[in-house]
Amino acid sequence: MRKLKEAVDAFLHVCKMQPKNADARSKYELTRKEYRENLLAAAVNIEQKKLVVSADEITVDSTYTGPRLNSIDDVTPEWIEKMMEWQRDGKNLHKKYAIMIINKAAEIFDKCESLVDI
């Protein structure tokens, strides 16, 4: 639940109440170690710039015969099946369309509080 400080305090409390409880002591040590590692990582963390790649700036060569997208809203089950068949034949989706999909996925994932890193 990412509440390591509270977990460390709770395990310490259990250890004080039950000094001979080896399981509680072990979990306290593990939790304390992870908490300290997180503090260190936060201290040395340099804010990373979010890389945004615009698919609009990429042109698709006329020789590309695979599945195409005018917008991300064009992704349908039929389009997915066509893309899977294209890739099953050992061919790659054009990078413009891959970027469109990745950007939309990142947009969706950004809204999920349970994801820590995207």
C-alpha atoms as a PDB file:
ATOM      1  CA  MET A   1       0.000   0.000   0.000  1.00  0.00           C
ATOM      2  CA  ARG A   2       3.127   2.172  -0.119  1.00  0.00           C
ATOM      3  CA  LYS A   3       2.758   3.241   3.518  1.00  0.00           C
ATOM      4  CA  LEU A   4       6.201   2.064   4.570  1.00  0.00           C
ATOM      5  CA  LYS A   5       6.684   4.571   7.392  1.00  0.00           C
ATOM      6  CA  GLU A   6       3.468   3.413   9.056  1.00  0.00           C
ATOM      7  CA  ALA A   7       4.463  -0.230   8.500  1.00  0.00           C
ATOM      8  CA  VAL A   8       7.897   0.341  10.087  1.00  0.00           C
ATOM      9  CA  ASP A   9       6.253   1.983  13.101  1.00  0.00           C
ATOM     10  CA  ALA A  10       3.701  -0.838  13.410  1.00  0.00           C
ATOM     11  CA  PHE A  11       6.340  -3.589  13.232  1.00  0.00           C
ATOM     12  CA  LEU A  12       8.490  -1.714  15.765  1.00  0.00           C
ATOM     13  CA  HIS A  13       5.493  -1.536  18.104  1.00  0.00           C
ATOM     14  CA  VAL A  14       4.925  -5.299  17.724  1.00  0.00           C
ATOM     15  CA  CYS A  15       8.624  -5.951  18.391  1.00  0.00           C
ATOM     16  CA  LYS A  16       8.434  -3.921  21.604  1.00  0.00           C
ATOM     17  CA  MET A  17       5.309  -5.776  22.698  1.00  0.00           C
ATOM     18  CA  GLN A  18       6.710  -9.204  21.721  1.00  0.00           C
ATOM     19  CA  PRO A  19      10.523  -9.001  21.904  1.00  0.00           C
ATOM     20  CA  LYS A  20      10.944 -12.734  21.242  1.00  0.00           C
ATOM     21  CA  ASN A  21       8.823 -12.734  18.063  1.00  0.00           C
ATOM     22  CA  ALA A  22      11.434 -13.497  15.364  1.00  0.00           C
ATOM     23  CA  ASP A  23       8.915 -13.157  12.518  1.00  0.00           C
ATOM     24  CA  ALA A  24       7.958  -9.639  13.592  1.00  0.00           C
ATOM     25  CA  ARG A  25      11.640  -8.699  13.992  1.00  0.00           C
ATOM     26  CA  SER A  26      12.424 -10.042  10.505  1.00  0.00           C
ATOM     27  CA  LYS A  27       9.539  -8.166   8.907  1.00  0.00           C
ATOM     28  CA  TYR A  28      10.505  -5.016  10.794  1.00  0.00           C
ATOM     29  CA  GLU A  29      14.050  -5.220   9.436  1.00  0.00           C
ATOM     30  CA  LEU A  30      12.876  -5.864   5.854  1.00  0.00           C
ATOM     31  CA  THR A  31      10.326  -3.058   5.954  1.00  0.00           C
ATOM     32  CA  ARG A  32      12.807  -0.656   7.559  1.00  0.00           C
ATOM     33  CA  LYS A  33      15.391  -1.490   4.879  1.00  0.00           C
ATOM     34  CA  GLU A  34      12.914  -0.851   2.053  1.00  0.00           C
ATOM     35  CA  TYR A  35      11.760   2.386   3.699  1.00  0.00           C
ATOM     36  CA  ARG A  36      15.352   3.638   3.970  1.00  0.00           C
ATOM     37  CA  GLU A  37      16.053   2.651   0.349  1.00  0.00           C
ATOM     38  CA  ASN A  38      13.001   4.638  -0.751  1.00  0.00           C
ATOM     39  CA  LEU A  39      14.185   7.661   1.247  1.00  0.00           C
ATOM     40  CA  LEU A  40      17.599   7.424  -0.387  1.00  0.00           C
ATOM     41  CA  ALA A  41      16.089   7.048  -3.860  1.00  0.00           C
ATOM     42  CA  ALA A  42      13.891  10.100  -3.268  1.00  0.00           C
ATOM     43  CA  ALA A  43      16.890  12.095  -2.073  1.00  0.00           C
ATOM     44  CA  VAL A  44      18.958  11.364  -5.174  1.00  0.00           C
ATOM     45  CA  ASN A  45      16.092  11.343  -7.619  1.00  0.00           C
ATOM     46  CA  ILE A  46      16.491  13.865 -10.369  1.00  0.00           C
ATOM     47  CA  GLU A  47      13.232  14.987 -11.853  1.00  0.00           C
ATOM     48  CA  GLN A  48      12.974  13.325 -15.222  1.00  0.00           C
ATOM     49  CA  LYS A  49      11.494  15.189 -18.114  1.00  0.00           C
ATOM     50  CA  LYS A  50       8.594  13.434 -19.713  1.00  0.00           C
ATOM     51  CA  LEU A  51       9.436  12.573 -23.271  1.00  0.00           C
ATOM     52  CA  VAL A  52       6.590  13.339 -25.629  1.00  0.00           C
ATOM     53  CA  VAL A  53       6.830  12.214 -29.225  1.00  0.00           C
ATOM     54  CA  SER A  54       4.260  13.618 -31.601  1.00  0.00           C
ATOM     55  CA  ALA A  55       3.007  11.159 -34.172  1.00  0.00           C
ATOM     56  CA  ASP A  56       1.831  14.091 -36.298  1.00  0.00           C
ATOM     57  CA  GLU A  57       5.434  14.869 -37.235  1.00  0.00           C
ATOM     58  CA  ILE A  58       6.039  11.400 -38.689  1.00  0.00           C
ATOM     59  CA  THR A  59       5.123  10.645 -42.264  1.00  0.00           C
ATOM     60  CA  VAL A  60       4.167   7.213 -43.507  1.00  0.00           C
ATOM     61  CA  ASP A  61       5.885   6.150 -46.707  1.00  0.00           C
ATOM     62  CA  SER A  62       3.508   5.283 -49.532  1.00  0.00           C
ATOM     63  CA  THR A  63       5.115   1.826 -49.769  1.00  0.00           C
ATOM     64  CA  TYR A  64       3.752   0.882 -46.329  1.00  0.00           C
ATOM     65  CA  THR A  65       0.826  -1.478 -46.891  1.00  0.00           C
ATOM     66  CA  GLY A  66       0.031  -2.404 -43.299  1.00  0.00           C
ATOM     67  CA  PRO A  67      -2.812  -1.241 -41.057  1.00  0.00           C
ATOM     68  CA  ARG A  68      -3.235   2.536 -40.893  1.00  0.00           C
ATOM     69  CA  LEU A  69      -4.761   4.959 -38.413  1.00  0.00           C
ATOM     70  CA  ASN A  70      -6.026   8.457 -39.060  1.00  0.00           C
ATOM     71  CA  SER A  71      -6.614   8.926 -35.342  1.00  0.00           C
ATOM     72  CA  ILE A  72      -6.361   6.774 -32.236  1.00  0.00           C
ATOM     73  CA  ASP A  73     -10.170   6.581 -32.242  1.00  0.00           C
ATOM     74  CA  ASP A  74      -9.909   4.395 -35.355  1.00  0.00           C
ATOM     75  CA  VAL A  75      -8.638   1.483 -33.234  1.00  0.00           C
ATOM     76  CA  THR A  76     -11.398  -1.107 -33.375  1.00  0.00           C
ATOM     77  CA  PRO A  77     -11.452  -4.851 -32.799  1.00  0.00           C
ATOM     78  CA  GLU A  78     -11.276  -5.305 -36.570  1.00  0.00           C
ATOM     79  CA  TRP A  79      -8.243  -3.017 -36.788  1.00  0.00           C
ATOM     80  CA  ILE A  80      -6.546  -4.983 -33.984  1.00  0.00           C
ATOM     81  CA  GLU A  81      -7.180  -8.259 -35.832  1.00  0.00           C
ATOM     82  CA  LYS A  82      -5.713  -6.767 -39.009  1.00  0.00           C
ATOM     83  CA  MET A  83      -2.652  -5.558 -37.071  1.00  0.00           C
ATOM     84  CA  MET A  84      -2.199  -8.980 -35.444  1.00  0.00           C
ATOM     85  CA  GLU A  85      -2.359 -10.690 -38.836  1.00  0.00           C
ATOM     86  CA  TRP A  86       0.160  -8.161 -40.192  1.00  0.00           C
ATOM     87  CA  GLN A  87       2.541  -8.898 -37.327  1.00  0.00           C
ATOM     88  CA  ARG A  88       1.920 -12.653 -37.531  1.00  0.00           C
ATOM     89  CA  ASP A  89       3.399 -12.448 -41.019  1.00  0.00           C
ATOM     90  CA  GLY A  90       6.583 -11.044 -39.466  1.00  0.00           C
ATOM     91  CA  LYS A  91       5.872  -7.442 -40.428  1.00  0.00           C
ATOM     92  CA  ASN A  92       6.090  -4.424 -38.136  1.00  0.00           C
ATOM     93  CA  LEU A  93       3.485  -1.796 -37.468  1.00  0.00           C
ATOM     94  CA  HIS A  94       4.653   1.591 -38.714  1.00  0.00           C
ATOM     95  CA  LYS A  95       6.291   3.659 -35.965  1.00  0.00           C
ATOM     96  CA  LYS A  96       3.759   6.479 -36.393  1.00  0.00           C
ATOM     97  CA  TYR A  97       0.910   4.165 -35.411  1.00  0.00           C
ATOM     98  CA  ALA A  98       2.932   2.532 -32.640  1.00  0.00           C
ATOM     99  CA  ILE A  99       3.622   5.995 -31.172  1.00  0.00           C
ATOM    100  CA  MET A 100      -0.071   6.870 -31.397  1.00  0.00           C
ATOM    101  CA  ILE A 101      -0.923   3.732 -29.401  1.00  0.00           C
ATOM    102  CA  ILE A 102       1.838   4.301 -26.839  1.00  0.00           C
ATOM    103  CA  ASN A 103       0.826   7.939 -26.313  1.00  0.00           C
ATOM    104  CA  LYS A 104      -2.814   6.946 -25.749  1.00  0.00           C
ATOM    105  CA  ALA A 105      -1.788   4.177 -23.340  1.00  0.00           C
ATOM    106  CA  ALA A 106       0.421   6.614 -21.389  1.00  0.00           C
ATOM    107  CA  GLU A 107      -2.489   9.060 -21.209  1.00  0.00           C
ATOM    108  CA  ILE A 108      -4.727   6.328 -19.762  1.00  0.00           C
ATOM    109  CA  PHE A 109      -2.057   5.032 -17.367  1.00  0.00           C
ATOM    110  CA  ASP A 110      -1.292   8.545 -16.060  1.00  0.00           C
ATOM    111  CA  LYS A 111      -4.802   8.614 -14.590  1.00  0.00           C
ATOM    112  CA  CYS A 112      -4.243   5.375 -12.629  1.00  0.00           C
ATOM    113  CA  GLU A 113      -3.089   6.199  -9.117  1.00  0.00           C
ATOM    114  CA  SER A 114      -1.987   2.616  -8.539  1.00  0.00           C
ATOM    115  CA  LEU A 115       0.789   2.908 -11.151  1.00  0.00           C
ATOM    116  CA  VAL A 116       3.944   4.402  -9.716  1.00  0.00           C
ATOM    117  CA  ASP A 117       6.124   4.617 -12.838  1.00  0.00           C
ATOM    118  CA  ILE A 118       5.071   4.663 -16.451  1.00  0.00           C
END
